[in-house]
């Protein structure tokens, strides 16, 4: 899968792969509020909301769909 971002200069960058995008997050070149899209023309969303980048922003990779009570039963 390829990704595009809109940089702080307002320019679109891409396509790039997930490994490069994750590296840009670690280098703080991509912030949680950086617009990211999987297609050159969007739709765009904040980088922190892209599931593939969740761990790069310190969030769980995937939410557990079961309620806690169901897991302990």
Protein backbone atom coordinates (compact mmCIF):
# COMPACT_ATOMS: atom_id res chain seq x y z
CA UNK A 1 0.00 0.00 0.00
CA UNK A 2 1.21 3.52 -0.68
CA UNK A 3 0.57 6.73 1.21
CA UNK A 4 0.69 10.47 0.62
CA UNK A 5 1.08 13.24 3.16
CA UNK A 6 0.63 16.98 3.16
CA UNK A 7 3.74 18.51 4.69
CA UNK A 8 3.91 21.56 6.93
CA UNK A 9 4.77 23.54 3.78
CA UNK A 10 1.35 22.65 2.32
CA UNK A 11 2.83 20.43 -0.41
CA UNK A 12 1.77 16.85 -1.12
CA UNK A 13 4.48 14.18 -0.78
CA UNK A 14 4.29 10.61 -1.99
CA UNK A 15 3.75 7.95 -2.85
CA UNK A 16 5.66 6.36 -0.01
CA UNK A 17 5.49 3.01 1.74
CA UNK A 18 4.53 2.29 5.34
CA UNK A 19 8.14 1.73 6.45
CA UNK A 20 9.16 5.17 5.21
CA UNK A 21 6.08 6.81 6.67
CA UNK A 22 6.77 5.17 10.05
CA UNK A 23 10.36 6.41 9.89
CA UNK A 24 9.10 9.94 9.19
CA UNK A 25 6.91 9.66 12.32
CA UNK A 26 9.93 8.62 14.42
CA UNK A 27 11.89 11.55 12.95
CA UNK A 28 8.94 13.85 13.79
CA UNK A 29 8.63 14.81 10.13
CA UNK A 30 5.06 13.47 10.34
CA UNK A 31 3.02 14.48 13.39
CA UNK A 32 -0.30 13.15 14.62
CA UNK A 33 -2.09 16.01 12.89
CA UNK A 34 -0.31 15.58 9.53
CA UNK A 35 -2.85 14.79 6.80
CA UNK A 36 -2.31 11.29 5.35
CA UNK A 37 -4.11 9.55 2.49
CA UNK A 38 -3.92 6.13 0.86
CA UNK A 39 -4.70 7.69 -2.54
CA UNK A 40 -3.21 10.82 -4.01
CA UNK A 41 -6.58 12.57 -4.06
CA UNK A 42 -7.65 11.47 -0.56
CA UNK A 43 -9.63 11.03 1.53
CA UNK A 44 -7.27 12.61 4.06
CA UNK A 45 -7.13 11.95 7.78
CA UNK A 46 -4.80 12.84 10.64
CA UNK A 47 -1.79 10.53 10.76
CA UNK A 48 -2.63 9.52 14.35
CA UNK A 49 -5.96 8.11 13.08
CA UNK A 50 -4.37 5.85 10.44
CA UNK A 51 -4.57 2.33 11.94
CA UNK A 52 -1.24 1.24 10.42
CA UNK A 53 0.50 4.09 12.25
CA UNK A 54 -1.15 3.57 15.65
CA UNK A 55 1.90 1.93 17.24
CA UNK A 56 4.17 4.67 15.85
CA UNK A 57 2.09 7.16 17.85
CA UNK A 58 2.11 4.98 20.98
CA UNK A 59 -1.45 3.72 20.60
CA UNK A 60 -2.59 0.09 20.62
CA UNK A 61 -2.43 -1.39 17.13
CA UNK A 62 -5.97 -2.75 17.35
CA UNK A 63 -8.74 -2.30 19.87
CA UNK A 64 -10.02 -5.43 21.59
CA UNK A 65 -13.63 -5.84 20.38
CA UNK A 66 -14.67 -7.86 23.47
CA UNK A 67 -15.81 -6.05 26.62
CA UNK A 68 -13.61 -6.71 29.66
CA UNK A 69 -16.37 -8.71 31.37
CA UNK A 70 -16.57 -11.11 28.42
CA UNK A 71 -12.78 -11.70 28.48
CA UNK A 72 -12.73 -12.70 32.16
CA UNK A 73 -15.78 -14.97 31.99
